[in-house]
Amino acid sequence: MTAKQPRILICSCEGSMPLDAGAVAKGCGAAVGTADQLCRAQLDRFRAALAEGAPLTVGCTQEQPVFQEAAEDAGATAPLRFANLRETAGWADAARDAGPKMAALLAGAAVEMPPIAMTTAASQGVALILGRDATAIEAGRRLADHLDVTVLLRDPQDVAPPRVTLFPVLKGRVASATGRLGAFSLTIDGYALPDPSSRGGLRFGPARDGATSTCDLILDLTGDAGLFP
């Protein structure tokens, strides 16, 4: 079966913008119809184009709900797409020369987009905050009522120990990070636990490399280059 030639309908929006149907037809390779008030007084032109059963692109997005309702009432099944010609071309200072641009906008709107890949992300609210000083600990305090927080400090200097241990404050640097939102995995070098007897400033015990950590969220306050370029 031979595919039906696509149809295009463009409207001057009550004479407020010029139309170059010839340029649009040449640029899109489609049959082009025009109107001055397609969404109201000339809606029958839209219904007639629908009845042909060919793919139809309408050069108006403001009144898209009106056209979609009419298409549903008519039981139309052919592809129906819309392009904003008025704000992007028809009301421009160079509107009289905008025929080719309108053709490009209409042609782009008629291209069927490929399916968008979807990924389901499940989060348990486990957050790792990376930092160098008390700023990261303060961020942890603000988030602790909502998330399961751990703070990892890189080369901390003169950081006062928290009066109450509401969440772990550890020492280390991220050697590598992989994953995505809801499923991050990190390797930590220089990993060390704080000394409970820290006084005046946080002290940490023996460090080791190659520790691993998993989390759902990462808040990086180190000021370094991002973990994921």
C-alpha atoms as a PDB file:
ATOM      1  CA  MET A   1       0.000   0.000   0.000  1.00  0.00           C
ATOM      2  CA  THR A   2       1.358   3.417  -0.985  1.00  0.00           C
ATOM      3  CA  ALA A   3       1.851   5.757   1.965  1.00  0.00           C
ATOM      4  CA  LYS A   4      -0.294   8.859   1.878  1.00  0.00           C
ATOM      5  CA  GLN A   5       1.440  12.169   1.314  1.00  0.00           C
ATOM      6  CA  PRO A   6       1.889  14.060   4.598  1.00  0.00           C
ATOM      7  CA  ARG A   7      -0.244  17.148   5.132  1.00  0.00           C
ATOM      8  CA  ILE A   8       0.692  20.465   6.727  1.00  0.00           C
ATOM      9  CA  LEU A   9      -1.649  23.184   7.937  1.00  0.00           C
ATOM     10  CA  ILE A  10      -0.300  26.644   8.713  1.00  0.00           C
ATOM     11  CA  CYS A  11      -2.273  29.578  10.073  1.00  0.00           C
ATOM     12  CA  SER A  12      -1.638  33.331   9.979  1.00  0.00           C
ATOM     13  CA  CYS A  13      -3.166  33.656  13.464  1.00  0.00           C
ATOM     14  CA  GLU A  14      -5.804  36.151  12.364  1.00  0.00           C
ATOM     15  CA  GLY A  15      -3.455  37.821   9.890  1.00  0.00           C
ATOM     16  CA  SER A  16      -0.822  38.608  12.518  1.00  0.00           C
ATOM     17  CA  MET A  17       1.990  36.916  10.574  1.00  0.00           C
ATOM     18  CA  PRO A  18       2.808  36.312   6.897  1.00  0.00           C
ATOM     19  CA  LEU A  19       2.738  32.808   5.430  1.00  0.00           C
ATOM     20  CA  ASP A  20       4.845  31.455   2.577  1.00  0.00           C
ATOM     21  CA  ALA A  21       3.069  28.227   1.683  1.00  0.00           C
ATOM     22  CA  GLY A  22       5.306  27.720  -1.348  1.00  0.00           C
ATOM     23  CA  ALA A  23       8.504  27.766   0.707  1.00  0.00           C
ATOM     24  CA  VAL A  24       6.980  25.412   3.269  1.00  0.00           C
ATOM     25  CA  ALA A  25       5.800  22.971   0.586  1.00  0.00           C
ATOM     26  CA  LYS A  26       9.193  23.029  -1.118  1.00  0.00           C
ATOM     27  CA  GLY A  27      11.092  22.529   2.124  1.00  0.00           C
ATOM     28  CA  CYS A  28       8.864  19.784   3.528  1.00  0.00           C
ATOM     29  CA  GLY A  29       7.730  17.934   0.414  1.00  0.00           C
ATOM     30  CA  ALA A  30       4.174  17.907   1.732  1.00  0.00           C
ATOM     31  CA  ALA A  31       0.786  19.269   0.730  1.00  0.00           C
ATOM     32  CA  VAL A  32       0.289  22.586   2.528  1.00  0.00           C
ATOM     33  CA  GLY A  33      -2.991  24.225   3.481  1.00  0.00           C
ATOM     34  CA  THR A  34      -3.395  27.694   4.969  1.00  0.00           C
ATOM     35  CA  ALA A  35      -5.886  29.417   7.238  1.00  0.00           C
ATOM     36  CA  ASP A  36      -6.364  32.644   9.172  1.00  0.00           C
ATOM     37  CA  GLN A  37      -8.220  31.231  12.200  1.00  0.00           C
ATOM     38  CA  LEU A  38      -7.731  27.491  12.015  1.00  0.00           C
ATOM     39  CA  CYS A  39      -8.522  26.910  15.684  1.00  0.00           C
ATOM     40  CA  ARG A  40     -11.994  28.491  15.570  1.00  0.00           C
ATOM     41  CA  ALA A  41     -13.808  29.721  12.461  1.00  0.00           C
ATOM     42  CA  GLN A  42     -11.852  27.438  10.098  1.00  0.00           C
ATOM     43  CA  LEU A  43     -11.606  24.341  12.275  1.00  0.00           C
ATOM     44  CA  ASP A  44     -13.427  22.432   9.524  1.00  0.00           C
ATOM     45  CA  ARG A  45     -10.257  22.698   7.423  1.00  0.00           C
ATOM     46  CA  PHE A  46      -8.432  20.815  10.153  1.00  0.00           C
ATOM     47  CA  ARG A  47     -11.172  18.177  10.297  1.00  0.00           C
ATOM     48  CA  ALA A  48     -11.058  17.786   6.509  1.00  0.00           C
ATOM     49  CA  ALA A  49      -7.287  17.259   6.581  1.00  0.00           C
ATOM     50  CA  LEU A  50      -7.716  14.672   9.335  1.00  0.00           C
ATOM     51  CA  ALA A  51     -10.286  12.810   7.253  1.00  0.00           C
ATOM     52  CA  GLU A  52      -7.667  12.152   4.569  1.00  0.00           C
ATOM     53  CA  GLY A  53      -5.915   9.805   7.002  1.00  0.00           C
ATOM     54  CA  ALA A  54      -2.440  11.126   6.194  1.00  0.00           C
ATOM     55  CA  PRO A  55       0.169  12.234   8.744  1.00  0.00           C
ATOM     56  CA  LEU A  56      -0.670  15.819   9.672  1.00  0.00           C
ATOM     57  CA  THR A  57       1.490  18.583  11.124  1.00  0.00           C
ATOM     58  CA  VAL A  58      -0.110  21.797  12.372  1.00  0.00           C
ATOM     59  CA  GLY A  59       1.898  25.006  12.664  1.00  0.00           C
ATOM     60  CA  CYS A  60       0.440  26.000  16.032  1.00  0.00           C
ATOM     61  CA  THR A  61       1.116  24.871  19.594  1.00  0.00           C
ATOM     62  CA  GLN A  62      -0.985  27.399  21.521  1.00  0.00           C
ATOM     63  CA  GLU A  63      -4.248  25.767  20.445  1.00  0.00           C
ATOM     64  CA  GLN A  64      -2.901  22.209  20.429  1.00  0.00           C
ATOM     65  CA  PRO A  65      -5.543  21.032  22.961  1.00  0.00           C
ATOM     66  CA  VAL A  66      -8.323  22.229  20.617  1.00  0.00           C
ATOM     67  CA  PHE A  67      -6.902  20.259  17.702  1.00  0.00           C
ATOM     68  CA  GLN A  68      -6.235  17.161  19.789  1.00  0.00           C
ATOM     69  CA  GLU A  69      -9.801  17.172  21.092  1.00  0.00           C
ATOM     70  CA  ALA A  70     -11.141  17.470  17.539  1.00  0.00           C
ATOM     71  CA  ALA A  71      -8.899  14.587  16.451  1.00  0.00           C
ATOM     72  CA  GLU A  72     -10.146  12.407  19.317  1.00  0.00           C
ATOM     73  CA  ASP A  73     -13.762  13.222  18.474  1.00  0.00           C
ATOM     74  CA  ALA A  74     -13.103  12.227  14.863  1.00  0.00           C
ATOM     75  CA  GLY A  75     -11.390   8.979  15.868  1.00  0.00           C
ATOM     76  CA  ALA A  76      -8.281   9.948  13.892  1.00  0.00           C
ATOM     77  CA  THR A  77      -5.405   7.471  14.067  1.00  0.00           C
ATOM     78  CA  ALA A  78      -2.808   9.002  11.729  1.00  0.00           C
ATOM     79  CA  PRO A  79       0.176  10.779  13.325  1.00  0.00           C
ATOM     80  CA  LEU A  80      -0.658  14.320  14.468  1.00  0.00           C
ATOM     81  CA  ARG A  81       2.164  16.687  15.370  1.00  0.00           C
ATOM     82  CA  PHE A  82       2.579  20.378  16.141  1.00  0.00           C
ATOM     83  CA  ALA A  83       5.195  23.088  15.610  1.00  0.00           C
ATOM     84  CA  ASN A  84       5.386  26.568  17.122  1.00  0.00           C
ATOM     85  CA  LEU A  85       5.703  28.885  14.117  1.00  0.00           C
ATOM     86  CA  ARG A  86       4.324  32.076  15.608  1.00  0.00           C
ATOM     87  CA  GLU A  87       6.805  32.812  18.411  1.00  0.00           C
ATOM     88  CA  THR A  88       9.786  31.233  16.644  1.00  0.00           C
ATOM     89  CA  ALA A  89       9.344  32.695  13.152  1.00  0.00           C
ATOM     90  CA  GLY A  90       6.038  34.366  12.297  1.00  0.00           C
ATOM     91  CA  TRP A  91       6.265  37.207  14.804  1.00  0.00           C
ATOM     92  CA  ALA A  92       9.950  37.882  14.152  1.00  0.00           C
ATOM     93  CA  ASP A  93      11.233  41.084  12.537  1.00  0.00           C
ATOM     94  CA  ALA A  94      12.239  39.048   9.471  1.00  0.00           C
ATOM     95  CA  ALA A  95       8.910  37.214   9.295  1.00  0.00           C
ATOM     96  CA  ARG A  96       8.429  37.855   5.565  1.00  0.00           C
ATOM     97  CA  ASP A  97      11.592  35.882   4.849  1.00  0.00           C
ATOM     98  CA  ALA A  98      10.863  33.158   7.407  1.00  0.00           C
ATOM     99  CA  GLY A  99       9.325  30.611   5.016  1.00  0.00           C
ATOM    100  CA  PRO A 100      12.411  28.345   4.979  1.00  0.00           C
ATOM    101  CA  LYS A 101      12.677  28.530   8.773  1.00  0.00           C
ATOM    102  CA  MET A 102       9.020  27.583   9.133  1.00  0.00           C
ATOM    103  CA  ALA A 103       9.629  24.658   6.788  1.00  0.00           C
ATOM    104  CA  ALA A 104      12.528  23.495   8.955  1.00  0.00           C
ATOM    105  CA  LEU A 105      10.446  23.756  12.137  1.00  0.00           C
ATOM    106  CA  LEU A 106       7.582  21.807  10.596  1.00  0.00           C
ATOM    107  CA  ALA A 107       9.900  19.152   9.162  1.00  0.00           C
ATOM    108  CA  GLY A 108      11.575  18.735  12.543  1.00  0.00           C
ATOM    109  CA  ALA A 109       8.243  18.370  14.320  1.00  0.00           C
ATOM    110  CA  ALA A 110       7.216  15.622  11.900  1.00  0.00           C
ATOM    111  CA  VAL A 111      10.254  13.457  12.666  1.00  0.00           C
ATOM    112  CA  GLU A 112       9.293  10.578  14.916  1.00  0.00           C
ATOM    113  CA  MET A 113      11.501  10.510  17.991  1.00  0.00           C
ATOM    114  CA  PRO A 114      13.084   7.174  18.926  1.00  0.00           C
ATOM    115  CA  PRO A 115      11.944   5.565  22.179  1.00  0.00           C
ATOM    116  CA  ILE A 116      13.635   7.011  25.247  1.00  0.00           C
ATOM    117  CA  ALA A 117      15.457   4.463  27.371  1.00  0.00           C
ATOM    118  CA  MET A 118      14.194   4.371  30.944  1.00  0.00           C
ATOM    119  CA  THR A 119      15.999   3.204  34.066  1.00  0.00           C
ATOM    120  CA  THR A 120      14.303   2.538  37.373  1.00  0.00           C
ATOM    121  CA  ALA A 121      16.258   3.961  40.305  1.00  0.00           C
ATOM    122  CA  ALA A 122      15.497   2.732  43.816  1.00  0.00           C
ATOM    123  CA  SER A 123      16.919   4.760  46.695  1.00  0.00           C
ATOM    124  CA  GLN A 124      17.184   3.864  50.361  1.00  0.00           C
ATOM    125  CA  GLY A 125      18.290   7.399  51.188  1.00  0.00           C
ATOM    126  CA  VAL A 126      21.941   6.510  51.847  1.00  0.00           C
ATOM    127  CA  ALA A 127      23.958   9.683  51.247  1.00  0.00           C
ATOM    128  CA  LEU A 128      27.728  10.155  51.180  1.00  0.00           C
ATOM    129  CA  ILE A 129      28.944  13.725  51.687  1.00  0.00           C
ATOM    130  CA  LEU A 130      32.474  14.454  50.492  1.00  0.00           C
ATOM    131  CA  GLY A 131      34.319  17.433  51.914  1.00  0.00           C
ATOM    132  CA  ARG A 132      37.430  18.863  53.518  1.00  0.00           C
ATOM    133  CA  ASP A 133      36.205  20.695  56.595  1.00  0.00           C
ATOM    134  CA  ALA A 134      33.307  21.550  58.884  1.00  0.00           C
ATOM    135  CA  THR A 135      31.191  22.611  55.888  1.00  0.00           C
ATOM    136  CA  ALA A 136      30.603  18.948  55.036  1.00  0.00           C
ATOM    137  CA  ILE A 137      29.701  18.141  58.644  1.00  0.00           C
ATOM    138  CA  GLU A 138      27.213  21.014  58.745  1.00  0.00           C
ATOM    139  CA  ALA A 139      25.639  19.723  55.515  1.00  0.00           C
ATOM    140  CA  GLY A 140      25.357  16.330  57.190  1.00  0.00           C
ATOM    141  CA  ARG A 141      23.554  17.867  60.167  1.00  0.00           C
ATOM    142  CA  ARG A 142      21.022  19.508  57.878  1.00  0.00           C
ATOM    143  CA  LEU A 143      20.334  16.287  55.998  1.00  0.00           C
ATOM    144  CA  ALA A 144      20.506  13.791  58.854  1.00  0.00           C
ATOM    145  CA  ASP A 145      16.790  14.013  59.640  1.00  0.00           C
ATOM    146  CA  HIS A 146      15.951  13.001  56.080  1.00  0.00           C
ATOM    147  CA  LEU A 147      18.806  10.776  54.880  1.00  0.00           C
ATOM    148  CA  ASP A 148      21.179   8.113  56.179  1.00  0.00           C
ATOM    149  CA  VAL A 149      24.294  10.312  56.111  1.00  0.00           C
ATOM    150  CA  THR A 150      28.013   9.544  56.142  1.00  0.00           C
ATOM    151  CA  VAL A 151      30.635  12.300  55.845  1.00  0.00           C
ATOM    152  CA  LEU A 152      34.020  11.544  54.281  1.00  0.00           C
ATOM    153  CA  LEU A 153      36.689  14.204  54.867  1.00  0.00           C
ATOM    154  CA  ARG A 154      39.749  14.494  52.664  1.00  0.00           C
ATOM    155  CA  ASP A 155      42.867  15.746  54.485  1.00  0.00           C
ATOM    156  CA  PRO A 156      40.877  17.492  57.238  1.00  0.00           C
ATOM    157  CA  GLN A 157      42.682  20.213  59.177  1.00  0.00           C
ATOM    158  CA  ASP A 158      41.522  21.709  62.480  1.00  0.00           C
ATOM    159  CA  VAL A 159      38.031  20.233  62.281  1.00  0.00           C
ATOM    160  CA  ALA A 160      36.290  20.300  65.650  1.00  0.00           C
ATOM    161  CA  PRO A 161      34.835  16.933  66.688  1.00  0.00           C
ATOM    162  CA  PRO A 162      31.031  16.886  66.866  1.00  0.00           C
ATOM    163  CA  ARG A 163      29.601  17.044  70.387  1.00  0.00           C
ATOM    164  CA  VAL A 164      27.156  14.279  69.514  1.00  0.00           C
ATOM    165  CA  THR A 165      27.860  11.611  66.911  1.00  0.00           C
ATOM    166  CA  LEU A 166      24.699  11.802  64.818  1.00  0.00           C
ATOM    167  CA  PHE A 167      26.336  10.173  61.781  1.00  0.00           C
ATOM    168  CA  PRO A 168      29.761   8.761  60.861  1.00  0.00           C
ATOM    169  CA  VAL A 169      32.510  11.269  60.073  1.00  0.00           C
ATOM    170  CA  LEU A 170      35.369   9.430  58.380  1.00  0.00           C
ATOM    171  CA  LYS A 171      38.640  10.280  56.701  1.00  0.00           C
ATOM    172  CA  GLY A 172      39.630   9.243  53.193  1.00  0.00           C
ATOM    173  CA  ARG A 173      39.755  10.141  49.530  1.00  0.00           C
ATOM    174  CA  VAL A 174      37.815   8.657  46.642  1.00  0.00           C
ATOM    175  CA  ALA A 175      40.122   6.602  44.437  1.00  0.00           C
ATOM    176  CA  SER A 176      37.395   5.557  42.002  1.00  0.00           C
ATOM    177  CA  ALA A 177      33.647   5.835  41.603  1.00  0.00           C
ATOM    178  CA  THR A 178      31.163   4.044  39.389  1.00  0.00           C
ATOM    179  CA  GLY A 179      27.402   3.718  39.134  1.00  0.00           C
ATOM    180  CA  ARG A 180      24.392   5.992  38.919  1.00  0.00           C
ATOM    181  CA  LEU A 181      21.777   7.653  41.065  1.00  0.00           C
ATOM    182  CA  GLY A 182      20.573   5.032  43.520  1.00  0.00           C
ATOM    183  CA  ALA A 183      23.526   2.692  42.924  1.00  0.00           C
ATOM    184  CA  PHE A 184      26.957   4.272  43.431  1.00  0.00           C
ATOM    185  CA  SER A 185      30.037   2.246  44.325  1.00  0.00           C
ATOM    186  CA  LEU A 186      33.248   3.902  45.520  1.00  0.00           C
ATOM    187  CA  THR A 187      36.755   2.793  46.426  1.00  0.00           C
ATOM    188  CA  ILE A 188      38.278   4.802  49.284  1.00  0.00           C
ATOM    189  CA  ASP A 189      42.006   5.174  49.954  1.00  0.00           C
ATOM    190  CA  GLY A 190      43.370   6.539  53.210  1.00  0.00           C
ATOM    191  CA  TYR A 191      40.212   5.306  54.943  1.00  0.00           C
ATOM    192  CA  ALA A 192      40.309   5.888  58.698  1.00  0.00           C
ATOM    193  CA  LEU A 193      37.887   6.016  61.621  1.00  0.00           C
ATOM    194  CA  PRO A 194      37.856   8.935  64.070  1.00  0.00           C
ATOM    195  CA  ASP A 195      39.329   8.545  67.536  1.00  0.00           C
ATOM    196  CA  PRO A 196      36.517   8.767  70.112  1.00  0.00           C
ATOM    197  CA  SER A 197      38.901  10.686  72.379  1.00  0.00           C
ATOM    198  CA  SER A 198      39.483  13.448  69.813  1.00  0.00           C
ATOM    199  CA  ARG A 199      39.802  16.738  71.650  1.00  0.00           C
ATOM    200  CA  GLY A 200      40.237  20.160  70.101  1.00  0.00           C
ATOM    201  CA  GLY A 201      40.383  18.701  66.613  1.00  0.00           C
ATOM    202  CA  LEU A 202      39.367  15.446  64.977  1.00  0.00           C
ATOM    203  CA  ARG A 203      42.058  12.764  65.080  1.00  0.00           C
ATOM    204  CA  PHE A 204      41.868   9.562  63.101  1.00  0.00           C
ATOM    205  CA  GLY A 205      43.198   6.070  63.575  1.00  0.00           C
ATOM    206  CA  PRO A 206      45.334   3.990  61.199  1.00  0.00           C
ATOM    207  CA  ALA A 207      44.449   4.430  57.534  1.00  0.00           C
ATOM    208  CA  ARG A 208      44.061   1.768  54.878  1.00  0.00           C
ATOM    209  CA  ASP A 209      43.555   1.784  51.138  1.00  0.00           C
ATOM    210  CA  GLY A 210      40.978  -0.070  49.091  1.00  0.00           C
ATOM    211  CA  ALA A 211      37.960   0.352  51.359  1.00  0.00           C
ATOM    212  CA  THR A 212      34.636   0.172  49.535  1.00  0.00           C
ATOM    213  CA  SER A 213      31.426   2.114  50.018  1.00  0.00           C
ATOM    214  CA  THR A 214      28.018   2.068  48.382  1.00  0.00           C
ATOM    215  CA  CYS A 215      25.388   4.787  48.488  1.00  0.00           C
ATOM    216  CA  ASP A 216      22.378   6.189  46.690  1.00  0.00           C
ATOM    217  CA  LEU A 217      23.404   9.854  46.652  1.00  0.00           C
ATOM    218  CA  ILE A 218      26.726  11.708  46.581  1.00  0.00           C
ATOM    219  CA  LEU A 219      27.090  15.329  47.683  1.00  0.00           C
ATOM    220  CA  ASP A 220      30.572  16.518  46.707  1.00  0.00           C
ATOM    221  CA  LEU A 221      31.719  19.625  48.603  1.00  0.00           C
ATOM    222  CA  THR A 222      35.456  19.106  48.084  1.00  0.00           C
ATOM    223  CA  GLY A 223      35.806  21.632  45.284  1.00  0.00           C
ATOM    224  CA  ASP A 224      37.711  19.055  43.232  1.00  0.00           C
ATOM    225  CA  ALA A 225      36.893  17.997  39.686  1.00  0.00           C
ATOM    226  CA  GLY A 226      33.670  16.009  39.501  1.00  0.00           C
ATOM    227  CA  LEU A 227      33.771  12.265  40.082  1.00  0.00           C
ATOM    228  CA  PHE A 228      31.782  11.717  36.891  1.00  0.00           C
ATOM    229  CA  PRO A 229      33.005  13.930  33.996  1.00  0.00           C
END
